[in-house]
Amino acid sequence: MKSKLLLWITFVTCTTAFSQILPARMNSSWGFIDHTGAWLIPPIYREVEPPVLGLAKVVDKKGKIGFVNSQGQLIIKPKYFEIKRYDNGLIATMDTNRLWGVIDTNGAIISQNKFNIMRPYCNRMAAVQTTKGLWGAIDESGAIKVPCKYNFISEFNIYGKAIVVNRSRTYVIDSTNRILMSFSFKYNGGLNDEGHFFIEQGNKRLITDKGKIINLRSPIWIESESEKMICSYDSVIGIVREEKKRHYVAYYDMNGFFLKEKNFSNYEECIENLCWGDTGIYRTFDSINQKYGFKSRNGELIIPYELDFAGFFYLGYSTIMKDGKWNFINPSGNIVFKYSITDILWNEYSTCCLKTDSGFILYNKLTKKISQQHFKTINPKMRNQQWYLHIENGMAQIIDLNDLKTKGNLEGITSITQENNGPFSNGFCVFGNYIGLVIKNKIVYYDFSGTKLFEED
């Protein structure tokens, strides 16, 4: 009797070159198969993951982590306790001594496991802490570019600048450890991409990347307050603070003069309205009439209190409802869709599904793409972050939710089975250019051209 093979769901777009091995399970152990279902690596691992940039994670029965390449060759024997993947393709590894190092996608060692703490790469630099508790930074080759001699180092911003603290002095440095600015007071804050950061020394001060000190003039600041985030936008500075479990955004001009302060129910609302959400308008609520509206940064009501619902801005849009009809508005306060939208089936990740008078449409708020076809029916459960599987009239369409284009058509599919849990909890999974469907208790694999490859009981 054959054991069922399960194909892992992946949310990573893989090219054909990286699709030579497919994670599969037999009983309670994992291995890798090829597109014909033949075992390339036998099921000997407790856990595996699909290849990312040609390197796949494997976990042995003792919980140690190793790597295989996209051809199924063991590159690094399981020996790591934990790993972290970075956007630049490098992988931070923690050994059994709880020390961090770095490897590349070929498994080559970039930096030996010798750091207590390693932060993510920002602008090709990663802050590290030695076993003596001192901070420095390494580059993508593993070379130490900022000597490990500081009490603190921030992440590098997009301009290649960071803050370091050496005893009671604070410095702004570049990626070569060249000192750009020096201050005689102790740092307490963060350098953002606009080049502003907090310095705490009794009064709150803002330092620009050109060395200008902005004293924040306001009676509301007290010594015990903690600042969470800062943003400069269109000559306005917004600062999130928390005091006695209450959340505020305080607004200042570029000379440090206090403009106003707003109170929000939670920290997330503060972040949404930080510098007016970088949109120029913010949501407001009329508690008497129980209606929502939007105001500009100078307090002008630009959208009247007539909305039954208004969401925060996300990816440049706010979801609104009026008289039972849904829509979106942009930062200018304009309605986005001309459709009469009666319902929103899902509105998560970057994609939403809208019900209109002529059928269902898909819209990607990030890419601004909209599906060309109108669907008669939609099953919200048959999707993940990247893919939606639409079944109608005996045809299954594989739709990429990024560009909303159909990547493949599978004929003769009338229904699939959604499992209670596991990789096939939504009835299908996509890996590279292959898809597996649960059909009548069998896992059936196809390529995107619609060719049936094999099936497993």
Protein backbone atom coordinates (compact mmCIF):
# COMPACT_ATOMS: atom_id res chain seq x y z
CA MET A 1 0.00 0.00 0.00
CA LYS A 2 1.40 3.36 -0.98
CA SER A 3 1.94 6.05 1.59
CA LYS A 4 0.57 9.46 0.79
CA LEU A 5 3.08 12.07 -0.40
CA LEU A 6 2.37 15.62 0.63
CA LEU A 7 3.76 18.60 -1.26
CA TRP A 8 4.74 21.55 0.90
CA ILE A 9 2.95 24.87 0.41
CA THR A 10 5.45 27.60 -0.43
CA PHE A 11 4.84 31.33 -0.62
CA VAL A 12 8.11 31.89 -2.49
CA THR A 13 8.12 32.29 -6.25
CA CYS A 14 10.57 29.68 -7.56
CA THR A 15 11.94 29.41 -11.07
CA THR A 16 12.05 26.15 -12.97
CA ALA A 17 15.73 25.76 -12.09
CA PHE A 18 14.80 25.60 -8.43
CA SER A 19 11.95 23.15 -8.97
CA GLN A 20 14.00 19.97 -9.39
CA ILE A 21 13.20 18.76 -5.88
CA LEU A 22 9.81 18.78 -4.21
CA PRO A 23 9.32 18.31 -0.44
CA ALA A 24 7.28 15.17 0.25
CA ARG A 25 6.27 13.15 3.29
CA MET A 26 5.97 9.45 3.93
CA ASN A 27 4.29 8.60 7.21
CA SER A 28 5.85 11.08 9.66
CA SER A 29 9.18 11.66 7.86
CA TRP A 30 10.11 14.09 5.11
CA GLY A 31 12.34 13.91 2.06
CA PHE A 32 12.39 15.17 -1.54
CA ILE A 33 10.97 13.83 -4.79
CA ASP A 34 11.32 14.87 -8.44
CA HIS A 35 8.42 15.85 -10.73
CA THR A 36 7.73 12.17 -11.50
CA GLY A 37 7.26 11.28 -7.85
CA ALA A 38 10.56 9.38 -7.55
CA TRP A 39 12.51 9.85 -4.34
CA LEU A 40 15.67 11.94 -4.69
CA ILE A 41 16.31 12.12 -0.95
CA PRO A 42 14.61 9.42 1.15
CA PRO A 43 12.21 10.46 3.93
CA ILE A 44 14.70 10.59 6.80
CA TYR A 45 14.08 14.10 8.14
CA ARG A 46 11.70 15.45 10.76
CA GLU A 47 11.09 18.57 8.71
CA VAL A 48 12.10 20.05 5.35
CA GLU A 49 11.40 23.26 3.45
CA PRO A 50 11.33 24.06 -0.29
CA PRO A 51 14.54 25.45 -1.81
CA VAL A 52 14.96 29.22 -1.60
CA LEU A 53 17.62 30.61 -3.95
CA GLY A 54 18.77 27.03 -4.50
CA LEU A 55 19.14 26.00 -0.85
CA ALA A 56 16.60 23.94 1.10
CA LYS A 57 16.46 23.60 4.88
CA VAL A 58 16.30 20.12 6.46
CA VAL A 59 15.86 19.20 10.11
CA ASP A 60 17.01 15.83 11.39
CA LYS A 61 15.38 13.72 14.10
CA LYS A 62 17.44 15.50 16.79
CA GLY A 63 16.22 18.93 15.68
CA LYS A 64 19.50 20.04 14.08
CA ILE A 65 19.34 22.04 10.85
CA GLY A 66 21.26 21.40 7.64
CA PHE A 67 20.90 22.24 3.94
CA VAL A 68 20.53 20.49 0.57
CA ASN A 69 20.78 22.15 -2.83
CA SER A 70 18.17 22.14 -5.60
CA GLN A 71 19.69 18.96 -7.08
CA GLY A 72 19.14 17.07 -3.83
CA GLN A 73 22.77 17.07 -2.70
CA LEU A 74 23.52 17.47 1.02
CA ILE A 75 25.57 20.67 1.25
CA ILE A 76 25.74 21.11 5.03
CA LYS A 77 25.09 18.26 7.42
CA PRO A 78 22.52 19.07 10.13
CA LYS A 79 24.39 20.89 12.88
CA TYR A 80 22.69 24.25 13.44
CA PHE A 81 20.25 25.12 16.21
CA GLU A 82 18.49 28.00 14.41
CA ILE A 83 18.70 29.95 11.12
CA LYS A 84 17.47 33.27 9.74
CA ARG A 85 17.22 34.04 6.03
CA TYR A 86 17.97 37.59 4.83
CA ASP A 87 16.75 39.43 1.74
CA ASN A 88 20.27 39.53 0.29
CA GLY A 89 20.30 35.71 0.13
CA LEU A 90 22.65 35.23 3.08
CA ILE A 91 21.65 32.98 5.97
CA ALA A 92 22.47 33.59 9.63
CA THR A 93 23.13 30.34 11.51
CA MET A 94 23.16 29.62 15.24
CA ASP A 95 25.28 26.69 16.37
CA THR A 96 24.77 24.49 19.42
CA ASN A 97 26.77 27.01 21.49
CA ARG A 98 24.10 29.63 20.64
CA LEU A 99 26.61 31.70 18.63
CA TRP A 100 25.72 33.26 15.26
CA GLY A 101 27.54 33.10 11.95
CA VAL A 102 26.70 33.55 8.24
CA ILE A 103 26.64 31.27 5.19
CA ASP A 104 25.78 31.94 1.55
CA THR A 105 23.38 30.07 -0.76
CA ASN A 106 26.14 27.64 -1.74
CA GLY A 107 26.65 26.72 1.90
CA ALA A 108 30.03 28.47 2.05
CA ILE A 109 30.89 30.04 5.42
CA ILE A 110 30.90 33.84 5.25
CA SER A 111 31.43 34.40 8.96
CA GLN A 112 32.25 31.88 11.66
CA ASN A 113 29.77 31.32 14.51
CA LYS A 114 31.22 33.74 17.07
CA PHE A 115 28.59 36.43 17.76
CA ASN A 116 26.11 36.61 20.65
CA ILE A 117 23.63 38.64 18.59
CA MET A 118 23.32 39.31 14.89
CA ARG A 119 20.82 41.78 13.45
CA PRO A 120 19.39 41.74 9.90
CA TYR A 121 21.39 43.23 7.04
CA CYS A 122 20.50 46.84 6.25
CA ASN A 123 22.26 48.58 3.39
CA ARG A 124 24.68 45.61 3.16
CA MET A 125 25.72 45.94 6.80
CA ALA A 126 24.70 43.84 9.83
CA ALA A 127 25.17 44.87 13.44
CA VAL A 128 26.78 42.17 15.60
CA GLN A 129 27.56 41.76 19.30
CA THR A 130 30.58 39.82 20.55
CA THR A 131 30.65 37.45 23.51
CA LYS A 132 32.08 40.36 25.54
CA GLY A 133 28.94 42.41 24.88
CA LEU A 134 30.57 44.92 22.51
CA TRP A 135 28.97 45.96 19.22
CA GLY A 136 30.27 46.39 15.69
CA ALA A 137 29.17 45.56 12.14
CA ILE A 138 30.09 43.16 9.34
CA ASP A 139 29.50 43.46 5.61
CA GLU A 140 28.18 40.83 3.18
CA SER A 141 31.65 39.28 2.83
CA GLY A 142 31.80 38.72 6.59
CA ALA A 143 34.54 41.31 7.08
CA ILE A 144 34.29 43.45 10.22
CA LYS A 145 33.89 47.01 8.91
CA VAL A 146 32.91 48.64 12.20
CA PRO A 147 35.19 47.45 15.03
CA CYS A 148 33.43 45.63 17.86
CA LYS A 149 34.22 48.23 20.52
CA TYR A 150 30.96 50.11 21.03
CA ASN A 151 28.34 49.90 23.77
CA PHE A 152 25.61 50.12 21.12
CA ILE A 153 25.13 50.34 17.36
CA SER A 154 21.89 50.96 15.48
CA GLU A 155 20.94 49.48 12.12
CA PHE A 156 22.34 51.27 9.07
CA ASN A 157 19.77 53.36 7.22
CA ILE A 158 19.41 53.56 3.44
CA TYR A 159 22.13 56.23 3.28
CA GLY A 160 24.63 53.97 5.00
CA LYS A 161 24.60 55.81 8.33
CA ALA A 162 24.31 54.39 11.83
CA ILE A 163 24.52 55.57 15.41
CA VAL A 164 27.12 54.19 17.82
CA VAL A 165 27.55 54.84 21.52
CA ASN A 166 30.93 54.73 23.25
CA ARG A 167 30.44 55.28 26.97
CA SER A 168 28.83 58.72 27.35
CA ARG A 169 29.35 59.92 23.78
CA THR A 170 27.18 59.37 20.72
CA TYR A 171 28.46 59.28 17.14
CA VAL A 172 26.98 59.07 13.68
CA ILE A 173 29.19 56.91 11.45
CA ASP A 174 29.20 55.59 7.90
CA SER A 175 29.83 51.99 6.81
CA THR A 176 33.62 52.51 6.97
CA ASN A 177 33.40 53.63 10.63
CA ARG A 178 34.17 57.22 9.62
CA ILE A 179 32.73 59.59 12.23
CA LEU A 180 30.29 62.04 10.67
CA MET A 181 29.02 63.70 13.85
CA SER A 182 29.86 63.57 17.53
CA PHE A 183 27.74 64.52 20.55
CA SER A 184 28.56 64.69 24.24
CA PHE A 185 25.22 63.30 25.38
CA LYS A 186 23.92 59.76 25.45
CA TYR A 187 21.79 58.41 22.63
CA ASN A 188 18.33 56.97 23.21
CA GLY A 189 16.39 56.46 19.98
CA GLY A 190 16.76 55.44 16.36
CA LEU A 191 18.09 56.69 13.04
CA ASN A 192 15.43 56.66 10.33
CA ASP A 193 15.78 56.89 6.57
CA GLU A 194 15.22 60.64 6.59
CA GLY A 195 18.34 60.97 8.76
CA HIS A 196 16.61 62.07 11.97
CA PHE A 197 17.08 60.40 15.32
CA PHE A 198 16.32 60.98 18.97
CA ILE A 199 18.80 62.16 21.54
CA GLU A 200 17.73 62.14 25.18
CA GLN A 201 19.32 64.47 27.67
CA GLY A 202 16.55 65.85 29.86
CA ASN A 203 14.83 67.63 26.98
CA LYS A 204 13.84 65.83 23.80
CA ARG A 205 15.93 66.80 20.84
CA LEU A 206 15.94 65.81 17.22
CA ILE A 207 19.20 65.72 15.27
CA THR A 208 19.19 65.94 11.48
CA ASP A 209 21.78 64.20 9.36
CA LYS A 210 23.29 67.63 8.67
CA GLY A 211 23.94 68.16 12.37
CA LYS A 212 21.09 70.55 13.07
CA ILE A 213 19.67 70.18 16.59
CA ILE A 214 15.92 70.64 16.86
CA ASN A 215 14.67 71.20 20.40
CA LEU A 216 11.12 69.91 20.70
CA ARG A 217 9.27 72.70 22.49
CA SER A 218 6.22 71.38 24.26
CA PRO A 219 4.92 71.24 27.83
CA ILE A 220 3.60 67.70 27.31
CA TRP A 221 7.01 66.04 27.36
CA ILE A 222 8.03 64.49 30.66
CA GLU A 223 11.13 62.50 31.54
CA SER A 224 9.36 59.15 31.94
CA GLU A 225 7.79 59.09 28.50
CA SER A 226 9.02 56.62 25.90
CA GLU A 227 9.09 57.36 22.18
CA LYS A 228 8.31 54.48 19.85
CA MET A 229 8.59 55.89 16.33
CA ILE A 230 9.36 59.09 14.48
CA CYS A 231 8.54 60.19 10.96
CA SER A 232 9.17 63.43 9.07
CA TYR A 233 6.75 64.21 6.27
CA ASP A 234 6.17 67.40 4.32
CA SER A 235 7.81 69.67 6.90
CA VAL A 236 5.92 68.03 9.75
CA ILE A 237 7.45 65.77 12.41
CA GLY A 238 5.28 63.12 14.00
CA ILE A 239 6.28 61.30 17.18
CA VAL A 240 4.50 58.34 18.74
CA ARG A 241 4.61 58.18 22.50
CA GLU A 242 3.00 56.12 25.23
CA GLU A 243 2.14 57.35 28.71
CA LYS A 244 0.26 55.39 31.37
CA LYS A 245 -1.01 52.91 28.75
CA ARG A 246 -2.41 55.73 26.60
CA HIS A 247 -1.13 56.31 23.07
CA TYR A 248 -0.45 59.65 21.39
CA VAL A 249 0.94 61.18 18.23
CA ALA A 250 2.51 64.61 18.77
CA TYR A 251 3.11 66.83 15.73
CA TYR A 252 5.85 69.47 15.42
CA ASP A 253 7.14 71.77 12.71
CA MET A 254 10.77 71.58 11.57
CA ASN A 255 11.76 74.23 14.11
CA GLY A 256 10.56 72.03 16.96
CA PHE A 257 7.41 74.03 17.76
CA PHE A 258 4.49 71.94 18.94
CA LEU A 259 1.51 71.91 16.57
CA LYS A 260 -0.97 69.52 18.18
CA GLU A 261 -1.38 66.12 19.73
CA LYS A 262 -3.91 63.37 19.06
CA ASN A 263 -4.92 60.51 21.32
CA PHE A 264 -5.56 57.04 19.83
CA SER A 265 -6.99 53.88 21.32
CA ASN A 266 -3.94 51.73 20.59
CA TYR A 267 -0.41 51.78 19.24
CA GLU A 268 -1.46 50.51 15.78
CA GLU A 269 -3.75 53.52 15.30
CA CYS A 270 -0.86 55.79 16.23
CA ILE A 271 1.36 54.26 13.58
CA GLU A 272 -1.44 54.55 11.02
CA ASN A 273 -1.82 58.26 11.74
CA LEU A 274 1.86 58.99 12.20
CA CYS A 275 2.43 62.09 10.08
CA TRP A 276 -1.13 61.61 8.84
CA GLY A 277 -0.22 58.12 7.68
CA ASP A 278 2.06 59.70 5.05
CA THR A 279 -1.19 60.33 3.17
CA GLY A 280 -2.07 63.87 4.12
CA ILE A 281 -5.43 62.85 5.61
CA TYR A 282 -6.52 60.86 8.63
CA ARG A 283 -9.67 59.07 9.76
CA THR A 284 -11.97 60.69 12.30
CA PHE A 285 -15.21 59.61 13.99
CA ASP A 286 -18.38 61.48 15.00
CA SER A 287 -19.44 59.76 18.22
CA ILE A 288 -22.84 61.50 18.25
CA ASN A 289 -23.99 60.43 14.78
CA GLN A 290 -21.79 57.31 14.76
CA LYS A 291 -20.30 58.17 11.36
CA TYR A 292 -16.76 58.31 9.98
CA GLY A 293 -15.07 61.03 7.96
CA PHE A 294 -11.58 62.21 6.98
CA LYS A 295 -9.68 65.39 7.81
CA SER A 296 -6.64 67.05 6.30
CA ARG A 297 -3.54 67.89 8.32
CA ASN A 298 -4.86 71.40 9.01
CA GLY A 299 -8.06 69.98 10.49
CA GLU A 300 -10.32 70.62 7.49
CA LEU A 301 -13.06 68.04 7.05
CA ILE A 302 -12.53 66.86 3.46
CA ILE A 303 -14.84 63.81 3.59
CA PRO A 304 -18.01 64.51 5.62
CA TYR A 305 -19.21 62.38 8.52
CA GLU A 306 -21.40 60.16 6.36
CA LEU A 307 -19.48 56.87 6.18
CA ASP A 308 -20.80 53.82 8.01
CA PHE A 309 -17.29 52.41 8.11
CA ALA A 310 -13.79 53.67 7.30
CA GLY A 311 -10.59 51.67 7.69
CA PHE A 312 -7.02 52.82 8.20
CA PHE A 313 -4.86 53.49 5.18
CA TYR A 314 -2.95 50.41 4.07
CA LEU A 315 -0.93 50.20 0.84
CA GLY A 316 -2.34 53.60 -0.10
CA TYR A 317 -6.03 52.78 0.39
CA SER A 318 -8.73 53.03 3.02
CA THR A 319 -11.76 50.73 2.89
CA ILE A 320 -15.06 52.57 3.30
CA MET A 321 -18.77 51.71 3.36
CA LYS A 322 -21.72 54.02 2.76
CA ASP A 323 -25.39 53.07 2.43
CA GLY A 324 -24.49 49.38 2.26
CA LYS A 325 -22.00 49.86 -0.62
CA TRP A 326 -18.25 49.31 -0.27
CA ASN A 327 -15.36 51.08 -1.96
CA PHE A 328 -11.84 52.40 -1.43
CA ILE A 329 -10.48 55.93 -1.24
CA ASN A 330 -6.97 57.09 -2.06
CA PRO A 331 -4.93 59.68 -0.08
CA SER A 332 -6.54 62.46 -2.12
CA GLY A 333 -9.93 61.38 -0.82
CA ASN A 334 -11.12 60.17 -4.24
CA ILE A 335 -13.20 57.03 -4.78
CA VAL A 336 -11.11 54.33 -6.45
CA PHE A 337 -13.69 52.08 -8.17
CA LYS A 338 -16.59 52.99 -10.41
CA TYR A 339 -18.19 49.61 -9.65
CA SER A 340 -21.13 49.18 -7.30
CA ILE A 341 -19.46 46.96 -4.69
CA THR A 342 -21.92 45.08 -2.53
CA ASP A 343 -19.45 42.99 -0.55
CA ILE A 344 -15.72 42.41 0.02
CA LEU A 345 -15.06 38.68 0.34
CA TRP A 346 -11.47 39.09 1.44
CA ASN A 347 -9.19 42.06 1.95
CA GLU A 348 -5.86 40.80 3.19
CA TYR A 349 -2.27 40.51 2.06
CA SER A 350 -2.21 42.87 -0.94
CA THR A 351 -5.20 41.33 -2.73
CA CYS A 352 -8.93 41.83 -2.27
CA CYS A 353 -11.98 40.17 -3.83
CA LEU A 354 -14.91 42.44 -4.60
CA LYS A 355 -18.51 41.47 -5.31
CA THR A 356 -20.12 43.69 -7.91
CA ASP A 357 -23.45 43.65 -9.75
CA SER A 358 -21.77 41.85 -12.68
CA GLY A 359 -19.81 39.28 -10.68
CA PHE A 360 -16.63 38.98 -8.62
CA ILE A 361 -13.36 40.72 -9.46
CA LEU A 362 -9.86 40.50 -7.95
CA TYR A 363 -7.72 43.56 -7.24
CA ASN A 364 -4.10 43.83 -6.11
CA LYS A 365 -3.56 47.05 -4.14
CA LEU A 366 0.21 46.78 -4.38
CA THR A 367 0.61 46.22 -8.13
CA LYS A 368 -2.63 48.12 -8.98
CA LYS A 369 -3.65 45.16 -11.18
CA ILE A 370 -7.29 44.16 -11.63
CA SER A 371 -8.58 40.86 -13.01
CA GLN A 372 -9.85 41.16 -16.56
CA GLN A 373 -12.58 38.59 -16.08
CA HIS A 374 -15.57 38.66 -13.78
CA PHE A 375 -16.11 35.41 -11.90
CA LYS A 376 -19.59 34.03 -11.31
CA THR A 377 -18.55 32.38 -8.05
CA ILE A 378 -15.61 32.69 -5.67
CA ASN A 379 -14.37 30.32 -2.97
CA PRO A 380 -12.31 32.45 -0.54
CA LYS A 381 -10.77 29.35 1.09
CA MET A 382 -9.05 28.22 -2.11
CA ARG A 383 -6.17 30.68 -1.92
CA ASN A 384 -2.91 31.43 -0.17
CA GLN A 385 -0.69 34.48 -0.23
CA GLN A 386 0.32 34.05 -3.87
CA TRP A 387 -2.22 31.77 -5.56
CA TYR A 388 -5.96 31.43 -6.06
CA LEU A 389 -7.46 28.26 -7.56
CA HIS A 390 -10.74 28.96 -9.33
CA ILE A 391 -12.96 26.03 -10.34
CA GLU A 392 -15.87 26.62 -12.69
CA ASN A 393 -17.53 24.53 -15.44
CA GLY A 394 -15.06 21.63 -15.08
CA MET A 395 -12.01 23.88 -15.39
CA ALA A 396 -9.50 24.81 -12.69
CA GLN A 397 -7.62 28.07 -13.24
CA ILE A 398 -4.33 28.75 -11.43
CA ILE A 399 -4.28 32.51 -10.85
CA ASP A 400 -1.24 34.41 -9.63
CA LEU A 401 -2.49 36.98 -7.13
CA ASN A 402 0.43 39.32 -7.90
CA ASP A 403 -0.36 40.07 -11.55
CA LEU A 404 -3.84 38.43 -11.53
CA LYS A 405 -3.01 36.45 -14.66
CA THR A 406 -3.95 32.81 -15.23
CA LYS A 407 -0.79 30.69 -15.14
CA GLY A 408 -2.45 27.40 -16.02
CA ASN A 409 -5.74 25.68 -16.88
CA LEU A 410 -6.55 22.17 -15.71
CA GLU A 411 -9.43 20.47 -17.52
CA GLY A 412 -11.80 17.96 -16.00
CA ILE A 413 -11.61 19.36 -12.45
CA THR A 414 -15.00 19.78 -10.81
CA SER A 415 -14.04 19.88 -7.14
CA ILE A 416 -11.19 19.34 -4.71
CA THR A 417 -11.10 18.29 -1.07
CA GLN A 418 -9.93 20.67 1.63
CA GLU A 419 -8.15 18.92 4.47
CA ASN A 420 -8.52 19.91 8.11
CA ASN A 421 -4.85 20.82 8.47
CA GLY A 422 -1.44 20.37 6.94
CA PRO A 423 -0.07 21.49 3.55
CA PHE A 424 -3.32 20.70 1.70
CA SER A 425 -5.65 22.50 4.11
CA ASN A 426 -7.03 24.55 1.19
CA GLY A 427 -7.12 21.55 -1.17
CA PHE A 428 -4.10 22.45 -3.31
CA CYS A 429 -0.53 23.58 -3.14
CA VAL A 430 1.83 25.15 -5.67
CA PHE A 431 5.56 24.64 -5.89
CA GLY A 432 7.50 26.20 -8.73
CA ASN A 433 5.67 25.24 -11.93
CA TYR A 434 3.80 22.29 -10.40
CA ILE A 435 0.52 22.03 -8.54
CA GLY A 436 -0.92 19.26 -6.40
CA LEU A 437 -4.69 18.82 -5.94
CA VAL A 438 -6.58 16.68 -3.45
CA ILE A 439 -9.14 14.83 -5.60
CA LYS A 440 -11.19 11.99 -4.11
CA ASN A 441 -8.61 11.34 -1.39
CA LYS A 442 -5.74 11.23 -3.88
CA ILE A 443 -2.94 13.73 -4.40
CA VAL A 444 -2.82 14.45 -8.14
CA TYR A 445 0.08 16.46 -9.56
CA TYR A 446 0.00 18.60 -12.72
CA ASP A 447 2.32 21.01 -14.42
CA PHE A 448 1.06 24.46 -15.43
CA SER A 449 0.42 23.33 -19.00
CA GLY A 450 -2.32 21.08 -17.64
CA THR A 451 -0.40 17.82 -18.11
CA LYS A 452 -1.10 15.24 -15.43
CA LEU A 453 2.19 13.99 -13.99
CA PHE A 454 1.32 11.33 -11.41
CA GLU A 455 -0.93 10.64 -8.44
CA GLU A 456 -0.54 9.08 -5.02
CA ASP A 457 -3.10 7.42 -2.80
